[in-house]
């Protein structure tokens, strides 16, 4: 009887320790902060989306707060009325797809041998890779190099110069080194597996999280790339989407010194403001659709690749 009372008292005290009032207050405060941060992050996205579906006058007058005002598709019509938009989309899809494949392949081919502890001069090679993160030849030498290689005004100017991001390679190398034990390689060699079979049959299937992460990083970088196109491309048929959208925005920008009809100027200014939001949606939504497919790997790949090693 006494033992039973002691057990109940012990159980009650453990429950009090496990769920004190302070913990509940802490959780409430954390949830409030998370809710506030979520609202702060989500509101600009909602505002941009609502503004893109509002009328030019409503956007110019600042009437849009949360929901679309005077629902209109004028912004999207103005964007897709410009013929080069479709070629820009196709070019960007090609640059993103082909460039990401090249990036991921070269990153894996560089990261795997550097993850092998027995690689000769491994530390020296890592130093040489890391050195390029801090020092580079500069814009003009890069342009001269691509010109001499006959890459100016070709698709290769958008694919080859950034074929390897050292930061992503370090993440991949650290993931392989910290997550895949060396004993696995020894066991594979006993079974007659060479380095290529080990890489393709064992390393790649086990590295899906980090591959998904670097794929997303590279794809977003290619999708948003415009500066290289400004430097190396002069043919409109090769322009990516970002350059085309920039040209649309410039075409609809008003020079205040040339205003003759005030009413027309206000209408054009309203359309220019509306175009800003429509262009953001047009250029952002397609790449956002990629994220759900890699979400389950994203956190795991980034945390393992950045904390360990």
Protein backbone atom coordinates (compact mmCIF):
# COMPACT_ATOMS: atom_id res chain seq x y z
CA UNK A 1 0.00 0.00 0.00
CA UNK A 2 2.79 2.35 1.00
CA UNK A 3 4.75 1.34 -2.10
CA UNK A 4 1.71 2.12 -4.28
CA UNK A 5 1.37 5.59 -2.76
CA UNK A 6 5.08 6.23 -3.32
CA UNK A 7 4.81 5.13 -6.95
CA UNK A 8 1.86 7.46 -7.56
CA UNK A 9 3.68 10.37 -5.93
CA UNK A 10 6.77 9.65 -8.02
CA UNK A 11 4.69 9.48 -11.22
CA UNK A 12 2.97 12.78 -10.35
CA UNK A 13 6.29 14.50 -9.65
CA UNK A 14 7.72 13.21 -12.96
CA UNK A 15 4.72 14.60 -14.85
CA UNK A 16 5.20 17.96 -13.18
CA UNK A 17 8.85 17.95 -14.17
CA UNK A 18 8.05 16.92 -17.74
CA UNK A 19 5.28 19.52 -18.26
CA UNK A 20 5.94 22.58 -16.06
CA UNK A 21 4.11 25.87 -16.49
CA UNK A 22 7.29 27.53 -17.74
CA UNK A 23 7.44 25.16 -20.72
CA UNK A 24 3.86 26.00 -21.69
CA UNK A 25 4.62 29.72 -21.55
CA UNK A 26 7.76 29.14 -23.64
CA UNK A 27 5.80 27.23 -26.30
CA UNK A 28 3.12 29.94 -26.43
CA UNK A 29 5.76 32.64 -26.92
CA UNK A 30 7.50 30.57 -29.61
CA UNK A 31 4.23 29.98 -31.50
CA UNK A 32 3.40 33.68 -31.35
CA UNK A 33 6.83 34.60 -32.73
CA UNK A 34 6.56 31.97 -35.49
CA UNK A 35 3.08 33.20 -36.42
CA UNK A 36 4.31 36.81 -36.56
CA UNK A 37 7.34 35.91 -38.70
CA UNK A 38 5.13 33.81 -41.01
CA UNK A 39 2.78 36.76 -41.52
CA UNK A 40 5.70 39.11 -42.20
CA UNK A 41 7.11 36.69 -44.79
CA UNK A 42 3.78 35.74 -46.39
CA UNK A 43 2.24 39.21 -46.70
CA UNK A 44 4.61 40.56 -49.41
CA UNK A 45 3.95 37.44 -51.49
CA UNK A 46 0.17 37.80 -51.07
CA UNK A 47 0.39 41.52 -51.85
CA UNK A 48 2.36 40.94 -55.06
CA UNK A 49 -0.05 38.21 -56.19
CA UNK A 50 -3.11 40.36 -55.41
CA UNK A 51 -1.63 43.40 -57.13
CA UNK A 52 -0.88 41.40 -60.26
CA UNK A 53 -4.60 40.54 -60.56
CA UNK A 54 -5.83 44.08 -59.88
CA UNK A 55 -6.52 46.91 -62.29
CA UNK A 56 -3.75 49.40 -63.15
CA UNK A 57 -5.69 52.27 -61.52
CA UNK A 58 -6.16 50.35 -58.27
CA UNK A 59 -2.47 49.52 -58.10
CA UNK A 60 -1.40 53.07 -58.92
CA UNK A 61 -3.81 54.52 -56.33
CA UNK A 62 -2.53 52.12 -53.64
CA UNK A 63 -5.95 50.55 -53.03
CA UNK A 64 -4.60 46.98 -52.95
CA UNK A 65 -3.94 45.82 -49.41
CA UNK A 66 -4.69 42.10 -49.20
CA UNK A 67 -7.16 41.05 -51.91
CA UNK A 68 -7.28 41.99 -55.62
CA UNK A 69 -9.18 45.22 -56.34
CA UNK A 70 -11.10 45.51 -59.64
CA UNK A 71 -9.96 42.07 -60.82
CA UNK A 72 -8.02 42.39 -64.07
CA UNK A 73 -5.58 40.41 -66.21
CA UNK A 74 -4.15 43.48 -67.93
CA UNK A 75 -0.70 42.93 -66.45
CA UNK A 76 -0.44 39.37 -67.72
CA UNK A 77 -1.89 40.32 -71.09
CA UNK A 78 0.76 43.03 -71.43
CA UNK A 79 3.49 40.54 -70.55
CA UNK A 80 2.41 37.77 -72.92
CA UNK A 81 1.57 40.24 -75.69
CA UNK A 82 5.33 40.63 -76.10
CA UNK A 83 6.43 37.80 -78.51
CA UNK A 84 9.96 37.27 -77.13
CA UNK A 85 8.47 36.17 -73.78
CA UNK A 86 7.81 32.68 -75.13
CA UNK A 87 11.28 32.31 -76.62
CA UNK A 88 12.68 33.64 -73.33
CA UNK A 89 10.76 30.96 -71.44
CA UNK A 90 12.07 28.22 -73.72
CA UNK A 91 15.65 29.52 -73.45
CA UNK A 92 15.45 29.74 -69.66
CA UNK A 93 14.00 26.23 -69.41
CA UNK A 94 16.84 24.96 -71.58
CA UNK A 95 19.53 26.85 -69.64
CA UNK A 96 18.05 25.67 -66.35
CA UNK A 97 17.70 22.03 -67.39
CA UNK A 98 20.97 21.60 -69.28
CA UNK A 99 22.95 23.80 -66.90
CA UNK A 100 21.68 22.00 -63.80
CA UNK A 101 22.57 18.60 -65.26
CA UNK A 102 26.10 19.81 -66.09
CA UNK A 103 26.45 21.37 -62.63
CA UNK A 104 25.30 18.30 -60.72
CA UNK A 105 27.47 15.89 -62.74
CA UNK A 106 30.64 17.99 -62.35
CA UNK A 107 29.92 18.63 -58.66
CA UNK A 108 29.56 14.92 -57.92
CA UNK A 109 32.67 14.03 -59.95
CA UNK A 110 34.66 16.60 -57.94
CA UNK A 111 33.11 15.88 -54.53
CA UNK A 112 33.45 12.08 -54.54
CA UNK A 113 37.25 11.83 -54.92
CA UNK A 114 37.76 14.71 -52.47
CA UNK A 115 35.67 12.77 -49.93
CA UNK A 116 38.13 9.87 -50.16
CA UNK A 117 40.64 10.25 -47.32
CA UNK A 118 43.33 8.35 -49.22
CA UNK A 119 43.32 10.71 -52.21
CA UNK A 120 46.89 12.04 -52.78
CA UNK A 121 47.26 15.82 -52.23
CA UNK A 122 43.66 15.98 -51.06
CA UNK A 123 44.19 19.00 -48.80
CA UNK A 124 46.09 20.88 -51.51
CA UNK A 125 43.27 20.29 -53.98
CA UNK A 126 40.70 21.49 -51.46
CA UNK A 127 42.77 24.63 -50.87
CA UNK A 128 42.88 25.30 -54.62
CA UNK A 129 39.10 24.94 -54.87
CA UNK A 130 38.51 27.16 -51.83
CA UNK A 131 40.95 29.77 -53.16
CA UNK A 132 38.66 30.39 -56.15
CA UNK A 133 35.82 31.32 -53.76
CA UNK A 134 37.77 34.36 -52.58
CA UNK A 135 39.80 35.36 -55.65
CA UNK A 136 38.95 35.36 -59.35
CA UNK A 137 40.25 36.85 -62.58
CA UNK A 138 37.52 39.47 -62.79
CA UNK A 139 34.88 40.43 -65.33
CA UNK A 140 37.13 41.63 -68.17
CA UNK A 141 39.51 38.62 -68.13
CA UNK A 142 36.49 36.31 -68.07
CA UNK A 143 35.01 38.06 -71.09
CA UNK A 144 38.33 37.90 -72.98
CA UNK A 145 38.63 34.21 -72.15
CA UNK A 146 35.14 33.40 -73.44
CA UNK A 147 35.76 35.52 -76.55
CA UNK A 148 38.96 33.62 -77.32
CA UNK A 149 37.11 30.34 -76.77
CA UNK A 150 34.44 31.46 -79.31
CA UNK A 151 31.67 31.22 -76.71
CA UNK A 152 30.28 34.76 -77.05
CA UNK A 153 26.72 34.68 -78.42
CA UNK A 154 26.41 30.92 -77.88
CA UNK A 155 24.47 28.87 -75.36
CA UNK A 156 27.78 27.66 -73.89
CA UNK A 157 28.38 31.12 -72.42
CA UNK A 158 25.40 30.45 -70.13
CA UNK A 159 26.38 26.88 -69.25
CA UNK A 160 30.16 26.46 -68.98
CA UNK A 161 31.53 29.44 -66.93
CA UNK A 162 29.49 28.52 -63.85
CA UNK A 163 29.66 24.75 -64.30
CA UNK A 164 30.92 24.23 -60.74
CA UNK A 165 29.98 26.10 -57.58
CA UNK A 166 32.67 25.35 -55.00
CA UNK A 167 30.28 25.93 -52.10
CA UNK A 168 27.91 23.24 -53.39
CA UNK A 169 30.84 20.93 -54.01
CA UNK A 170 31.99 21.34 -50.38
CA UNK A 171 28.46 20.57 -49.14
CA UNK A 172 28.35 17.44 -51.31
CA UNK A 173 31.84 16.30 -50.28
CA UNK A 174 31.03 16.78 -46.59
CA UNK A 175 27.78 14.85 -46.95
CA UNK A 176 29.50 11.89 -48.62
CA UNK A 177 32.36 11.95 -46.13
CA UNK A 178 30.19 12.15 -43.02
CA UNK A 179 27.20 10.01 -44.04
CA UNK A 180 28.71 7.10 -45.98
CA UNK A 181 31.19 4.97 -43.96
CA UNK A 182 34.53 3.91 -45.44
CA UNK A 183 33.72 0.30 -44.54
CA UNK A 184 31.12 0.31 -47.28
CA UNK A 185 33.83 0.90 -49.89
CA UNK A 186 35.95 -1.92 -48.47
CA UNK A 187 32.99 -4.30 -48.57
CA UNK A 188 32.20 -3.24 -52.15
CA UNK A 189 35.80 -3.87 -53.24
CA UNK A 190 35.71 -7.34 -51.73
CA UNK A 191 32.69 -8.05 -53.93
CA UNK A 192 34.64 -6.89 -56.99
CA UNK A 193 33.21 -3.36 -57.27
CA UNK A 194 35.47 -0.72 -58.83
CA UNK A 195 35.32 3.03 -58.18
CA UNK A 196 32.89 3.80 -60.99
CA UNK A 197 30.44 1.08 -59.96
CA UNK A 198 30.78 2.16 -56.34
CA UNK A 199 30.00 5.77 -57.30
CA UNK A 200 26.98 5.00 -59.50
CA UNK A 201 25.52 2.01 -57.65
CA UNK A 202 26.16 2.95 -54.02
CA UNK A 203 27.18 6.60 -53.55
CA UNK A 204 24.52 8.17 -55.78
CA UNK A 205 21.51 6.27 -54.33
CA UNK A 206 22.65 7.10 -50.80
CA UNK A 207 23.26 10.76 -51.67
CA UNK A 208 19.73 11.62 -52.84
CA UNK A 209 19.19 14.28 -50.13
CA UNK A 210 22.26 16.34 -51.00
CA UNK A 211 21.74 15.82 -54.74
CA UNK A 212 18.21 17.21 -54.40
CA UNK A 213 19.55 20.21 -52.47
CA UNK A 214 22.29 21.15 -54.93
CA UNK A 215 19.89 20.54 -57.83
CA UNK A 216 17.53 23.12 -56.35
CA UNK A 217 20.38 25.56 -55.70
CA UNK A 218 21.69 25.28 -59.25
CA UNK A 219 18.23 25.39 -60.85
CA UNK A 220 17.25 28.57 -58.97
CA UNK A 221 20.57 30.18 -59.87
CA UNK A 222 20.13 29.39 -63.59
CA UNK A 223 16.49 30.48 -63.59
CA UNK A 224 17.32 33.88 -62.08
CA UNK A 225 20.51 34.42 -64.06
CA UNK A 226 20.57 37.56 -66.19
CA UNK A 227 23.95 39.23 -65.68
CA UNK A 228 25.89 36.65 -67.73
CA UNK A 229 23.36 37.06 -70.54
CA UNK A 230 23.87 40.84 -70.47
CA UNK A 231 27.63 40.35 -70.81
CA UNK A 232 27.93 37.49 -73.26
CA UNK A 233 24.76 37.50 -75.41
CA UNK A 234 23.76 40.00 -78.11
CA UNK A 235 21.22 37.86 -79.98
CA UNK A 236 17.65 38.30 -78.79
CA UNK A 237 16.88 34.72 -79.83
CA UNK A 238 19.26 33.52 -77.08
CA UNK A 239 18.04 35.84 -74.32
CA UNK A 240 16.75 34.16 -71.13
CA UNK A 241 13.43 35.13 -69.61
CA UNK A 242 14.91 37.57 -67.09
CA UNK A 243 16.42 39.77 -69.84
CA UNK A 244 13.14 39.76 -71.78
CA UNK A 245 11.16 40.77 -68.69
CA UNK A 246 13.68 43.51 -67.96
CA UNK A 247 13.20 44.86 -71.50
CA UNK A 248 9.41 44.87 -71.05
CA UNK A 249 9.73 46.88 -67.86
CA UNK A 250 12.09 49.37 -69.52
CA UNK A 251 9.73 49.77 -72.49
CA UNK A 252 6.89 50.70 -70.13
CA UNK A 253 8.92 53.14 -68.06
CA UNK A 254 7.90 56.75 -68.51
CA UNK A 255 10.35 59.55 -69.16
CA UNK A 256 8.87 62.49 -67.22
CA UNK A 257 10.45 64.95 -69.67
CA UNK A 258 8.42 63.65 -72.61
CA UNK A 259 4.94 63.80 -71.06
CA UNK A 260 2.38 65.51 -73.32
CA UNK A 261 -0.92 63.86 -72.39
CA UNK A 262 -1.29 63.66 -68.58
CA UNK A 263 -4.18 61.18 -68.71
CA UNK A 264 -2.25 58.83 -70.99
CA UNK A 265 0.84 59.21 -68.82
CA UNK A 266 -1.10 58.24 -65.68
CA UNK A 267 -2.55 55.23 -67.47
CA UNK A 268 0.87 54.14 -68.67
CA UNK A 269 2.38 54.69 -65.22
CA UNK A 270 -0.37 52.54 -63.70
CA UNK A 271 0.36 49.81 -66.24
CA UNK A 272 4.09 50.06 -65.51
CA UNK A 273 3.44 49.60 -61.79
CA UNK A 274 1.14 46.67 -62.51
CA UNK A 275 3.75 45.11 -64.78
CA UNK A 276 6.26 44.98 -61.93
CA UNK A 277 4.03 42.62 -59.97
CA UNK A 278 2.97 40.56 -62.98
CA UNK A 279 6.61 40.10 -64.01
CA UNK A 280 7.55 38.92 -60.52
CA UNK A 281 4.79 36.30 -60.61
CA UNK A 282 5.61 35.17 -64.16
CA UNK A 283 9.30 34.77 -63.37
CA UNK A 284 8.90 33.18 -59.93
CA UNK A 285 6.01 30.71 -60.05
CA UNK A 286 7.62 28.10 -62.37
CA UNK A 287 10.73 27.65 -60.20
CA UNK A 288 8.59 27.57 -57.03
CA UNK A 289 6.86 24.49 -58.44
CA UNK A 290 10.17 22.62 -58.18
CA UNK A 291 10.47 23.03 -54.41
CA UNK A 292 7.73 20.55 -53.28
CA UNK A 293 9.53 17.72 -55.09
CA UNK A 294 12.76 18.24 -53.11
CA UNK A 295 11.31 19.50 -49.82
CA UNK A 296 11.65 16.18 -47.98
CA UNK A 297 15.37 16.07 -48.82
CA UNK A 298 16.10 19.76 -48.44
CA UNK A 299 16.51 20.18 -44.66
CA UNK A 300 18.37 16.90 -44.22
CA UNK A 301 20.79 17.59 -47.06
CA UNK A 302 21.59 21.15 -45.99
CA UNK A 303 22.02 20.36 -42.29
CA UNK A 304 24.26 17.33 -42.82
CA UNK A 305 26.32 19.06 -45.49
CA UNK A 306 26.87 22.27 -43.53
CA UNK A 307 27.29 21.25 -39.89
CA UNK A 308 29.41 18.13 -40.00
CA UNK A 309 32.94 17.80 -41.34
